[in-house]
Amino acid sequence: MSTAWLNAAKETPGVEIVGLVDIREEAARKRSQEFGLAQAVTGTEMKSIIQQTRADVVFDCTIPEAHLSVVTTALQLGCHVLGEKPLADSMDNARKMVAAAKQAGKIYTVIQNRRYDPNIRRLKALLASGAIGPITTLYSDFFIGAHFGGFRDRMEHPLVLDMAIHTFDAARFLTAADPVAVYCKEWNPQGSWYDHNASAVAIFEMTNGIIYNYRGAWSCEGLHTKWESDWRVLGVSGSVKWDGTDKFEAQVVAERGGFNSKLRDVEIPACDPGSKVGGHVGLMREFIHCVRTGGTPETICTNNI
């Protein structure tokens, strides 16, 4: 993931990479060479490199189990932090990290980059307009055959912890609602190349009486969805489908009565997402802007938890 982060940093004005840290220093040196960062200090100890470089910000691209130590150390040393999802590998650790950010008086933001997609912003604008009436139910399907290799193949709860966290965040974003209860069943189907459960279904009870239904698999061979998932949103007056790219379908009630209401198709209007686009780049730019101005990023830890 550090490749994506360093590419985004190149497109973010005012960011200078002054240090690269990895538990294997040769990995840090390799990234330094790939990105022409000869001036950047490399090493295996984050604390000493922060102190040596007097860094202002830490980008945490580590695996979930390392987030607690990386983020709390960076905050204690006076750095703002932009970190990978999920916020932590457990709720207890997540709470410790949020508390550390508050105590340090620094910004800690989670890079929920899929919010910063113009198409999800377009869907959000339609739903917020009331075009289909109050939202009652939300469905998302995620089916990908992802042969990563590396830590994801070995970790527990790979789908729910490392990938579905994006989809769950998107559900919060689209509905402007939060989960209050959830039932989840996860399993590892025959033929899976993951050590642990790579398939799951979950039913969330959300605020405002909304029900959200998730289905997903990371060891699905064939008929893949997009990484942003396939969505259906039901409202009192109509429904919307989104395939995760630029394909939308929407219908609303034109006339009630009879066995089926008469329906009419609805165009999904364009919207101005402002600066909330660009994936990693858009979120990184917002984070840096908030560091400089004292603003609050959309995916601040206190919201993302």
C-alpha atoms as a PDB file:
ATOM      1  CA  MET A   1       0.000   0.000   0.000  1.00  0.00           C
ATOM      2  CA  SER A   2       2.954   2.353   0.491  1.00  0.00           C
ATOM      3  CA  THR A   3       3.201   2.649  -3.303  1.00  0.00           C
ATOM      4  CA  ALA A   4      -0.321   4.108  -3.474  1.00  0.00           C
ATOM      5  CA  TRP A   5       0.425   6.425  -0.547  1.00  0.00           C
ATOM      6  CA  LEU A   6       3.685   7.704  -2.014  1.00  0.00           C
ATOM      7  CA  ASN A   7       2.026   8.276  -5.395  1.00  0.00           C
ATOM      8  CA  ALA A   8      -0.692  10.280  -3.633  1.00  0.00           C
ATOM      9  CA  ALA A   9       1.909  12.263  -1.680  1.00  0.00           C
ATOM     10  CA  LYS A  10       3.548  13.297  -4.961  1.00  0.00           C
ATOM     11  CA  GLU A  11       0.237  14.886  -5.982  1.00  0.00           C
ATOM     12  CA  THR A  12      -0.329  16.641  -2.645  1.00  0.00           C
ATOM     13  CA  PRO A  13       1.152  20.162  -2.583  1.00  0.00           C
ATOM     14  CA  GLY A  14       3.515  20.966   0.263  1.00  0.00           C
ATOM     15  CA  VAL A  15       4.231  17.381   1.322  1.00  0.00           C
ATOM     16  CA  GLU A  16       7.888  16.428   1.647  1.00  0.00           C
ATOM     17  CA  ILE A  17       8.735  12.820   2.512  1.00  0.00           C
ATOM     18  CA  VAL A  18      11.589  13.087   5.026  1.00  0.00           C
ATOM     19  CA  GLY A  19      11.702   9.528   6.355  1.00  0.00           C
ATOM     20  CA  LEU A  20      10.698   5.964   5.491  1.00  0.00           C
ATOM     21  CA  VAL A  21      10.382   3.298   8.193  1.00  0.00           C
ATOM     22  CA  ASP A  22       9.897  -0.457   7.866  1.00  0.00           C
ATOM     23  CA  ILE A  23      10.662  -3.450  10.070  1.00  0.00           C
ATOM     24  CA  ARG A  24      12.874  -4.505   7.142  1.00  0.00           C
ATOM     25  CA  GLU A  25      15.086  -1.547   6.315  1.00  0.00           C
ATOM     26  CA  GLU A  26      15.773  -2.911   2.828  1.00  0.00           C
ATOM     27  CA  ALA A  27      12.052  -2.414   2.061  1.00  0.00           C
ATOM     28  CA  ALA A  28      12.286   1.244   3.097  1.00  0.00           C
ATOM     29  CA  ARG A  29      15.435   1.735   1.016  1.00  0.00           C
ATOM     30  CA  LYS A  30      13.719   0.111  -1.984  1.00  0.00           C
ATOM     31  CA  ARG A  31      10.818   2.582  -1.788  1.00  0.00           C
ATOM     32  CA  SER A  32      13.307   5.432  -1.416  1.00  0.00           C
ATOM     33  CA  GLN A  33      15.032   4.411  -4.629  1.00  0.00           C
ATOM     34  CA  GLU A  34      11.763   3.820  -6.519  1.00  0.00           C
ATOM     35  CA  PHE A  35      10.453   7.289  -5.697  1.00  0.00           C
ATOM     36  CA  GLY A  36      13.700   9.220  -5.940  1.00  0.00           C
ATOM     37  CA  LEU A  37      13.746  10.055  -2.239  1.00  0.00           C
ATOM     38  CA  ALA A  38      17.490  10.099  -1.726  1.00  0.00           C
ATOM     39  CA  GLN A  39      17.127  12.862   0.890  1.00  0.00           C
ATOM     40  CA  ALA A  40      14.758  10.750   3.034  1.00  0.00           C
ATOM     41  CA  VAL A  41      16.170   8.978   6.080  1.00  0.00           C
ATOM     42  CA  THR A  42      15.430   5.236   6.207  1.00  0.00           C
ATOM     43  CA  GLY A  43      15.433   2.900   9.163  1.00  0.00           C
ATOM     44  CA  THR A  44      13.535   0.458  11.355  1.00  0.00           C
ATOM     45  CA  GLU A  45      12.835   2.670  14.403  1.00  0.00           C
ATOM     46  CA  MET A  46      10.056   5.196  13.869  1.00  0.00           C
ATOM     47  CA  LYS A  47      10.695   7.132  17.070  1.00  0.00           C
ATOM     48  CA  SER A  48      14.315   7.943  16.231  1.00  0.00           C
ATOM     49  CA  ILE A  49      13.473   8.928  12.644  1.00  0.00           C
ATOM     50  CA  ILE A  50      10.667  11.253  13.757  1.00  0.00           C
ATOM     51  CA  GLN A  51      13.040  12.891  16.213  1.00  0.00           C
ATOM     52  CA  GLN A  52      15.845  13.084  13.651  1.00  0.00           C
ATOM     53  CA  THR A  53      13.683  14.585  10.882  1.00  0.00           C
ATOM     54  CA  ARG A  54      11.355  16.674  13.110  1.00  0.00           C
ATOM     55  CA  ALA A  55       8.449  15.322  11.070  1.00  0.00           C
ATOM     56  CA  ASP A  56       5.021  16.980  11.317  1.00  0.00           C
ATOM     57  CA  VAL A  57       2.935  14.087   9.989  1.00  0.00           C
ATOM     58  CA  VAL A  58       3.103  10.294   9.934  1.00  0.00           C
ATOM     59  CA  PHE A  59       1.457   8.207   7.215  1.00  0.00           C
ATOM     60  CA  ASP A  60       0.700   4.782   8.720  1.00  0.00           C
ATOM     61  CA  CYS A  61       0.572   2.128   5.972  1.00  0.00           C
ATOM     62  CA  THR A  62       1.161  -0.847   8.273  1.00  0.00           C
ATOM     63  CA  ILE A  63      -0.887  -4.010   8.847  1.00  0.00           C
ATOM     64  CA  PRO A  64      -3.849  -3.690  11.259  1.00  0.00           C
ATOM     65  CA  GLU A  65      -2.018  -5.289  14.222  1.00  0.00           C
ATOM     66  CA  ALA A  66       0.646  -2.555  14.095  1.00  0.00           C
ATOM     67  CA  HIS A  67      -1.699   0.437  14.050  1.00  0.00           C
ATOM     68  CA  LEU A  68      -1.942   0.840  17.838  1.00  0.00           C
ATOM     69  CA  SER A  69       1.799   1.136  18.427  1.00  0.00           C
ATOM     70  CA  VAL A  70       2.527   3.215  15.316  1.00  0.00           C
ATOM     71  CA  VAL A  71      -0.285   5.712  15.830  1.00  0.00           C
ATOM     72  CA  THR A  72       0.091   6.196  19.576  1.00  0.00           C
ATOM     73  CA  THR A  73       3.871   6.611  19.278  1.00  0.00           C
ATOM     74  CA  ALA A  74       3.504   9.171  16.483  1.00  0.00           C
ATOM     75  CA  LEU A  75       0.869  11.126  18.428  1.00  0.00           C
ATOM     76  CA  GLN A  76       2.970  11.131  21.597  1.00  0.00           C
ATOM     77  CA  LEU A  77       5.874  12.567  19.574  1.00  0.00           C
ATOM     78  CA  GLY A  78       3.704  15.453  18.368  1.00  0.00           C
ATOM     79  CA  CYS A  79       2.794  14.206  14.885  1.00  0.00           C
ATOM     80  CA  HIS A  80      -0.577  14.264  13.177  1.00  0.00           C
ATOM     81  CA  VAL A  81      -1.437  10.859  11.684  1.00  0.00           C
ATOM     82  CA  LEU A  82      -3.181   9.679   8.535  1.00  0.00           C
ATOM     83  CA  GLY A  83      -3.566   5.917   8.828  1.00  0.00           C
ATOM     84  CA  GLU A  84      -4.729   2.886   6.901  1.00  0.00           C
ATOM     85  CA  LYS A  85      -8.059   1.256   7.549  1.00  0.00           C
ATOM     86  CA  PRO A  86      -9.263  -0.407   9.676  1.00  0.00           C
ATOM     87  CA  LEU A  87      -8.671   2.030  12.511  1.00  0.00           C
ATOM     88  CA  ALA A  88      -7.443  -0.853  14.684  1.00  0.00           C
ATOM     89  CA  ASP A  89      -7.504  -4.631  15.000  1.00  0.00           C
ATOM     90  CA  SER A  90      -9.887  -4.502  17.984  1.00  0.00           C
ATOM     91  CA  MET A  91     -12.362  -2.091  19.540  1.00  0.00           C
ATOM     92  CA  ASP A  92     -10.274  -1.842  22.719  1.00  0.00           C
ATOM     93  CA  ASN A  93      -7.249  -0.727  20.705  1.00  0.00           C
ATOM     94  CA  ALA A  94      -9.402   1.641  18.642  1.00  0.00           C
ATOM     95  CA  ARG A  95     -10.601   3.378  21.805  1.00  0.00           C
ATOM     96  CA  LYS A  96      -7.013   3.724  23.060  1.00  0.00           C
ATOM     97  CA  MET A  97      -5.989   5.361  19.771  1.00  0.00           C
ATOM     98  CA  VAL A  98      -8.891   7.815  19.757  1.00  0.00           C
ATOM     99  CA  ALA A  99      -8.081   8.725  23.368  1.00  0.00           C
ATOM    100  CA  ALA A 100      -4.400   9.210  22.467  1.00  0.00           C
ATOM    101  CA  ALA A 101      -5.311  11.613  19.651  1.00  0.00           C
ATOM    102  CA  LYS A 102      -7.517  13.621  22.007  1.00  0.00           C
ATOM    103  CA  GLN A 103      -4.816  13.743  24.690  1.00  0.00           C
ATOM    104  CA  ALA A 104      -2.162  14.813  22.167  1.00  0.00           C
ATOM    105  CA  GLY A 105      -4.392  17.437  20.589  1.00  0.00           C
ATOM    106  CA  LYS A 106      -3.460  16.115  17.152  1.00  0.00           C
ATOM    107  CA  ILE A 107      -5.457  14.988  14.129  1.00  0.00           C
ATOM    108  CA  TYR A 108      -5.735  11.244  13.552  1.00  0.00           C
ATOM    109  CA  THR A 109      -7.664  10.366  10.409  1.00  0.00           C
ATOM    110  CA  VAL A 110      -8.446   7.018   8.756  1.00  0.00           C
ATOM    111  CA  ILE A 111      -8.011   6.866   4.982  1.00  0.00           C
ATOM    112  CA  GLN A 112     -11.478   5.739   3.911  1.00  0.00           C
ATOM    113  CA  ASN A 113     -10.517   6.544   0.342  1.00  0.00           C
ATOM    114  CA  ARG A 114     -13.610   4.999  -1.270  1.00  0.00           C
ATOM    115  CA  ARG A 115     -15.734   7.871   0.025  1.00  0.00           C
ATOM    116  CA  TYR A 116     -13.676  10.141  -2.214  1.00  0.00           C
ATOM    117  CA  ASP A 117     -15.170   8.766  -5.431  1.00  0.00           C
ATOM    118  CA  PRO A 118     -17.338  11.027  -7.604  1.00  0.00           C
ATOM    119  CA  ASN A 119     -19.922   8.298  -8.207  1.00  0.00           C
ATOM    120  CA  ILE A 120     -20.637   7.574  -4.540  1.00  0.00           C
ATOM    121  CA  ARG A 121     -20.909  11.336  -4.008  1.00  0.00           C
ATOM    122  CA  ARG A 122     -23.430  11.415  -6.865  1.00  0.00           C
ATOM    123  CA  LEU A 123     -25.503   8.646  -5.275  1.00  0.00           C
ATOM    124  CA  LYS A 124     -25.298  10.345  -1.896  1.00  0.00           C
ATOM    125  CA  ALA A 125     -26.596  13.605  -3.392  1.00  0.00           C
ATOM    126  CA  LEU A 126     -29.585  11.805  -4.948  1.00  0.00           C
ATOM    127  CA  LEU A 127     -30.495  10.074  -1.681  1.00  0.00           C
ATOM    128  CA  ALA A 128     -30.073  13.278   0.331  1.00  0.00           C
ATOM    129  CA  SER A 129     -32.408  15.090  -2.081  1.00  0.00           C
ATOM    130  CA  GLY A 130     -35.294  12.856  -1.013  1.00  0.00           C
ATOM    131  CA  ALA A 131     -35.875  11.639  -4.570  1.00  0.00           C
ATOM    132  CA  ILE A 132     -36.831   8.130  -3.372  1.00  0.00           C
ATOM    133  CA  GLY A 133     -38.235   9.267  -0.039  1.00  0.00           C
ATOM    134  CA  PRO A 134     -36.820   8.257   3.351  1.00  0.00           C
ATOM    135  CA  ILE A 135     -34.387   5.344   3.100  1.00  0.00           C
ATOM    136  CA  THR A 136     -35.702   2.111   4.597  1.00  0.00           C
ATOM    137  CA  THR A 137     -33.302  -0.610   3.444  1.00  0.00           C
ATOM    138  CA  LEU A 138     -29.817  -0.890   1.976  1.00  0.00           C
ATOM    139  CA  TYR A 139     -28.165  -3.873   0.267  1.00  0.00           C
ATOM    140  CA  SER A 140     -24.596  -4.351  -0.898  1.00  0.00           C
ATOM    141  CA  ASP A 141     -22.863  -7.266  -2.625  1.00  0.00           C
ATOM    142  CA  PHE A 142     -19.094  -7.689  -2.762  1.00  0.00           C
ATOM    143  CA  PHE A 143     -17.678 -10.695  -4.625  1.00  0.00           C
ATOM    144  CA  ILE A 144     -14.010 -10.692  -5.611  1.00  0.00           C
ATOM    145  CA  GLY A 145     -11.417 -13.466  -6.041  1.00  0.00           C
ATOM    146  CA  ALA A 146      -8.396 -11.670  -4.558  1.00  0.00           C
ATOM    147  CA  HIS A 147      -5.122 -13.632  -4.636  1.00  0.00           C
ATOM    148  CA  PHE A 148      -3.014 -11.235  -2.573  1.00  0.00           C
ATOM    149  CA  GLY A 149      -0.462 -13.487  -1.012  1.00  0.00           C
ATOM    150  CA  GLY A 150       1.139 -12.068   2.122  1.00  0.00           C
ATOM    151  CA  PHE A 151      -0.472 -11.154   5.426  1.00  0.00           C
ATOM    152  CA  ARG A 152      -4.117 -11.145   4.256  1.00  0.00           C
ATOM    153  CA  ASP A 153      -3.940 -14.858   3.442  1.00  0.00           C
ATOM    154  CA  ARG A 154      -2.916 -15.573   7.039  1.00  0.00           C
ATOM    155  CA  MET A 155      -4.913 -13.013   9.086  1.00  0.00           C
ATOM    156  CA  GLU A 156      -8.130 -13.753  10.972  1.00  0.00           C
ATOM    157  CA  HIS A 157     -11.346 -12.217   9.591  1.00  0.00           C
ATOM    158  CA  PRO A 158      -9.650 -11.030   6.365  1.00  0.00           C
ATOM    159  CA  LEU A 159     -12.841 -10.020   4.557  1.00  0.00           C
ATOM    160  CA  VAL A 160     -14.658  -8.324   7.440  1.00  0.00           C
ATOM    161  CA  LEU A 161     -11.647  -6.622   9.013  1.00  0.00           C
ATOM    162  CA  ASP A 162      -9.581  -5.638   5.997  1.00  0.00           C
ATOM    163  CA  MET A 163     -12.124  -5.120   3.200  1.00  0.00           C
ATOM    164  CA  ALA A 164     -15.745  -4.942   4.386  1.00  0.00           C
ATOM    165  CA  ILE A 165     -14.700  -2.007   6.584  1.00  0.00           C
ATOM    166  CA  HIS A 166     -14.787   0.053   3.343  1.00  0.00           C
ATOM    167  CA  THR A 167     -18.309  -1.120   2.491  1.00  0.00           C
ATOM    168  CA  PHE A 168     -19.603  -0.612   6.015  1.00  0.00           C
ATOM    169  CA  ASP A 169     -18.247   2.936   5.971  1.00  0.00           C
ATOM    170  CA  ALA A 170     -19.918   3.543   2.604  1.00  0.00           C
ATOM    171  CA  ALA A 171     -23.246   2.402   4.092  1.00  0.00           C
ATOM    172  CA  ARG A 172     -22.869   4.942   6.912  1.00  0.00           C
ATOM    173  CA  PHE A 173     -21.995   7.634   4.385  1.00  0.00           C
ATOM    174  CA  LEU A 174     -24.935   6.921   2.048  1.00  0.00           C
ATOM    175  CA  THR A 175     -27.565   6.690   4.788  1.00  0.00           C
ATOM    176  CA  ALA A 176     -26.222   9.305   7.235  1.00  0.00           C
ATOM    177  CA  ALA A 177     -26.988   6.630   9.833  1.00  0.00           C
ATOM    178  CA  ASP A 178     -24.942   4.592  12.291  1.00  0.00           C
ATOM    179  CA  PRO A 179     -25.186   0.920  13.247  1.00  0.00           C
ATOM    180  CA  VAL A 180     -26.758   0.076  16.598  1.00  0.00           C
ATOM    181  CA  ALA A 181     -26.827  -3.744  16.333  1.00  0.00           C
ATOM    182  CA  VAL A 182     -25.483  -6.391  13.976  1.00  0.00           C
ATOM    183  CA  TYR A 183     -25.710 -10.114  13.301  1.00  0.00           C
ATOM    184  CA  CYS A 184     -22.818 -11.519  11.254  1.00  0.00           C
ATOM    185  CA  LYS A 185     -22.057 -15.023  10.014  1.00  0.00           C
ATOM    186  CA  GLU A 186     -18.626 -15.632   8.502  1.00  0.00           C
ATOM    187  CA  TRP A 187     -17.136 -18.817   7.089  1.00  0.00           C
ATOM    188  CA  ASN A 188     -14.326 -20.115   4.902  1.00  0.00           C
ATOM    189  CA  PRO A 189     -15.755 -21.961   1.891  1.00  0.00           C
ATOM    190  CA  GLN A 190     -14.218 -25.016   0.278  1.00  0.00           C
ATOM    191  CA  GLY A 191     -11.467 -24.010  -2.146  1.00  0.00           C
ATOM    192  CA  SER A 192     -10.595 -20.789  -0.285  1.00  0.00           C
ATOM    193  CA  TRP A 193      -6.907 -19.909  -0.297  1.00  0.00           C
ATOM    194  CA  TYR A 194      -7.268 -17.933   2.933  1.00  0.00           C
ATOM    195  CA  ASP A 195      -6.451 -19.534   6.295  1.00  0.00           C
ATOM    196  CA  HIS A 196      -9.492 -17.963   7.923  1.00  0.00           C
ATOM    197  CA  ASN A 197     -13.022 -16.852   7.056  1.00  0.00           C
ATOM    198  CA  ALA A 198     -13.154 -15.120   3.674  1.00  0.00           C
ATOM    199  CA  SER A 199     -16.958 -15.027   3.250  1.00  0.00           C
ATOM    200  CA  ALA A 200     -19.589 -13.253   5.332  1.00  0.00           C
ATOM    201  CA  VAL A 201     -23.153 -12.031   5.554  1.00  0.00           C
ATOM    202  CA  ALA A 202     -24.218  -9.335   7.990  1.00  0.00           C
ATOM    203  CA  ILE A 203     -27.496  -7.657   8.895  1.00  0.00           C
ATOM    204  CA  PHE A 204     -27.185  -4.241  10.553  1.00  0.00           C
ATOM    205  CA  GLU A 205     -29.865  -2.339  12.416  1.00  0.00           C
ATOM    206  CA  MET A 206     -29.103   1.330  11.828  1.00  0.00           C
ATOM    207  CA  THR A 207     -30.353   4.536  13.363  1.00  0.00           C
ATOM    208  CA  ASN A 208     -33.513   5.986  11.764  1.00  0.00           C
ATOM    209  CA  GLY A 209     -34.913   2.424  11.523  1.00  0.00           C
ATOM    210  CA  ILE A 210     -32.790   1.545   8.477  1.00  0.00           C
ATOM    211  CA  ILE A 211     -31.780  -2.078   7.842  1.00  0.00           C
ATOM    212  CA  TYR A 212     -28.504  -2.733   6.003  1.00  0.00           C
ATOM    213  CA  ASN A 213     -27.763  -6.151   4.480  1.00  0.00           C
ATOM    214  CA  TYR A 214     -24.176  -7.061   3.474  1.00  0.00           C
ATOM    215  CA  ARG A 215     -23.042 -10.089   1.472  1.00  0.00           C
ATOM    216  CA  GLY A 216     -19.398 -10.654   0.589  1.00  0.00           C
ATOM    217  CA  ALA A 217     -16.700 -13.100  -0.446  1.00  0.00           C
ATOM    218  CA  TRP A 218     -12.987 -12.642  -1.112  1.00  0.00           C
ATOM    219  CA  SER A 219     -12.459 -16.118  -2.554  1.00  0.00           C
ATOM    220  CA  CYS A 220     -15.071 -15.846  -5.301  1.00  0.00           C
ATOM    221  CA  GLU A 221     -13.887 -17.090  -8.695  1.00  0.00           C
ATOM    222  CA  GLY A 222     -15.961 -15.524 -11.482  1.00  0.00           C
ATOM    223  CA  LEU A 223     -18.710 -12.922 -11.916  1.00  0.00           C
ATOM    224  CA  HIS A 224     -16.904 -10.354  -9.798  1.00  0.00           C
ATOM    225  CA  THR A 225     -18.506  -7.172  -8.563  1.00  0.00           C
ATOM    226  CA  LYS A 226     -16.559  -3.927  -8.576  1.00  0.00           C
ATOM    227  CA  TRP A 227     -14.352  -3.170  -5.563  1.00  0.00           C
ATOM    228  CA  GLU A 228     -16.874  -0.495  -4.532  1.00  0.00           C
ATOM    229  CA  SER A 229     -19.583  -3.232  -4.334  1.00  0.00           C
ATOM    230  CA  ASP A 230     -22.957  -3.496  -6.043  1.00  0.00           C
ATOM    231  CA  TRP A 231     -25.679  -1.514  -4.255  1.00  0.00           C
ATOM    232  CA  ARG A 232     -29.466  -1.323  -4.022  1.00  0.00           C
ATOM    233  CA  VAL A 233     -31.158   1.338  -1.899  1.00  0.00           C
ATOM    234  CA  LEU A 234     -34.876   1.194  -1.095  1.00  0.00           C
ATOM    235  CA  GLY A 235     -36.883   4.245  -0.122  1.00  0.00           C
ATOM    236  CA  VAL A 236     -40.527   4.816   0.701  1.00  0.00           C
ATOM    237  CA  SER A 237     -41.148   6.159  -2.826  1.00  0.00           C
ATOM    238  CA  GLY A 238     -38.629   4.318  -5.008  1.00  0.00           C
ATOM    239  CA  SER A 239     -35.352   2.450  -5.435  1.00  0.00           C
ATOM    240  CA  VAL A 240     -31.836   3.060  -6.753  1.00  0.00           C
ATOM    241  CA  LYS A 241     -29.229   0.608  -8.039  1.00  0.00           C
ATOM    242  CA  TRP A 242     -25.512   1.392  -8.400  1.00  0.00           C
ATOM    243  CA  ASP A 243     -22.904  -0.996  -9.770  1.00  0.00           C
ATOM    244  CA  GLY A 244     -19.961   0.715  -8.075  1.00  0.00           C
ATOM    245  CA  THR A 245     -18.848   2.568 -11.215  1.00  0.00           C
ATOM    246  CA  ASP A 246     -20.879   5.009 -13.295  1.00  0.00           C
ATOM    247  CA  LYS A 247     -23.948   2.821 -13.925  1.00  0.00           C
ATOM    248  CA  PHE A 248     -27.070   3.912 -12.053  1.00  0.00           C
ATOM    249  CA  GLU A 249     -30.730   2.922 -12.303  1.00  0.00           C
ATOM    250  CA  ALA A 250     -33.565   4.539 -10.369  1.00  0.00           C
ATOM    251  CA  GLN A 251     -37.350   4.299 -10.348  1.00  0.00           C
ATOM    252  CA  VAL A 252     -39.961   6.094  -8.260  1.00  0.00           C
ATOM    253  CA  VAL A 253     -43.693   5.705  -7.834  1.00  0.00           C
ATOM    254  CA  ALA A 254     -45.695   7.628 -10.415  1.00  0.00           C
ATOM    255  CA  GLU A 255     -49.110   6.344  -9.331  1.00  0.00           C
ATOM    256  CA  ARG A 256     -50.074   4.009  -6.505  1.00  0.00           C
ATOM    257  CA  GLY A 257     -52.803   1.428  -6.808  1.00  0.00           C
ATOM    258  CA  GLY A 258     -53.348  -2.032  -8.271  1.00  0.00           C
ATOM    259  CA  PHE A 259     -51.034  -5.009  -7.749  1.00  0.00           C
ATOM    260  CA  ASN A 260     -47.931  -2.964  -8.663  1.00  0.00           C
ATOM    261  CA  SER A 261     -47.603   0.781  -8.450  1.00  0.00           C
ATOM    262  CA  LYS A 262     -46.953   2.559 -11.732  1.00  0.00           C
ATOM    263  CA  LEU A 263     -43.311   3.576 -11.855  1.00  0.00           C
ATOM    264  CA  ARG A 264     -41.226   6.070 -13.751  1.00  0.00           C
ATOM    265  CA  ASP A 265     -37.506   6.075 -14.424  1.00  0.00           C
ATOM    266  CA  VAL A 266     -35.439   8.776 -12.775  1.00  0.00           C
ATOM    267  CA  GLU A 267     -32.240  10.266 -14.146  1.00  0.00           C
ATOM    268  CA  ILE A 268     -29.382  10.474 -11.666  1.00  0.00           C
ATOM    269  CA  PRO A 269     -28.368  14.134 -11.833  1.00  0.00           C
ATOM    270  CA  ALA A 270     -24.753  15.215 -11.880  1.00  0.00           C
ATOM    271  CA  CYS A 271     -23.480  16.790  -8.693  1.00  0.00           C
ATOM    272  CA  ASP A 272     -20.551  18.922  -7.697  1.00  0.00           C
ATOM    273  CA  PRO A 273     -18.513  16.868  -5.191  1.00  0.00           C
ATOM    274  CA  GLY A 274     -16.177  19.775  -4.545  1.00  0.00           C
ATOM    275  CA  SER A 275     -12.822  18.547  -3.309  1.00  0.00           C
ATOM    276  CA  LYS A 276     -14.220  15.221  -2.084  1.00  0.00           C
ATOM    277  CA  VAL A 277     -12.805  13.207  -4.984  1.00  0.00           C
ATOM    278  CA  GLY A 278      -9.543  11.577  -5.934  1.00  0.00           C
ATOM    279  CA  GLY A 279      -9.403   8.594  -3.596  1.00  0.00           C
ATOM    280  CA  HIS A 280      -6.125   8.606  -1.672  1.00  0.00           C
ATOM    281  CA  VAL A 281      -5.119  11.954  -3.200  1.00  0.00           C
ATOM    282  CA  GLY A 282      -8.346  13.723  -2.274  1.00  0.00           C
ATOM    283  CA  LEU A 283      -8.305  12.457   1.267  1.00  0.00           C
ATOM    284  CA  MET A 284      -4.607  13.225   1.730  1.00  0.00           C
ATOM    285  CA  ARG A 285      -5.093  16.782   0.470  1.00  0.00           C
ATOM    286  CA  GLU A 286      -8.002  17.317   2.860  1.00  0.00           C
ATOM    287  CA  PHE A 287      -5.932  15.942   5.747  1.00  0.00           C
ATOM    288  CA  ILE A 288      -2.986  18.248   5.007  1.00  0.00           C
ATOM    289  CA  HIS A 289      -5.340  21.227   4.627  1.00  0.00           C
ATOM    290  CA  CYS A 290      -6.858  20.469   8.054  1.00  0.00           C
ATOM    291  CA  VAL A 291      -3.409  20.091   9.643  1.00  0.00           C
ATOM    292  CA  ARG A 292      -2.548  23.565   8.373  1.00  0.00           C
ATOM    293  CA  THR A 293      -5.854  25.258   9.174  1.00  0.00           C
ATOM    294  CA  GLY A 294      -7.084  23.391  12.229  1.00  0.00           C
ATOM    295  CA  GLY A 295     -10.075  21.938  10.396  1.00  0.00           C
ATOM    296  CA  THR A 296     -11.638  18.514  10.906  1.00  0.00           C
ATOM    297  CA  PRO A 297     -11.289  15.840   8.191  1.00  0.00           C
ATOM    298  CA  GLU A 298     -14.411  13.924   7.210  1.00  0.00           C
ATOM    299  CA  THR A 299     -12.941  10.581   8.287  1.00  0.00           C
ATOM    300  CA  ILE A 300     -11.492  11.765  11.609  1.00  0.00           C
ATOM    301  CA  CYS A 301     -10.951   8.913  14.085  1.00  0.00           C
ATOM    302  CA  THR A 302     -13.756  10.072  16.409  1.00  0.00           C
ATOM    303  CA  ASN A 303     -16.222   9.569  13.541  1.00  0.00           C
ATOM    304  CA  ASN A 304     -14.599   6.536  11.955  1.00  0.00           C
ATOM    305  CA  ILE A 305     -14.560   4.460  15.134  1.00  0.00           C
END
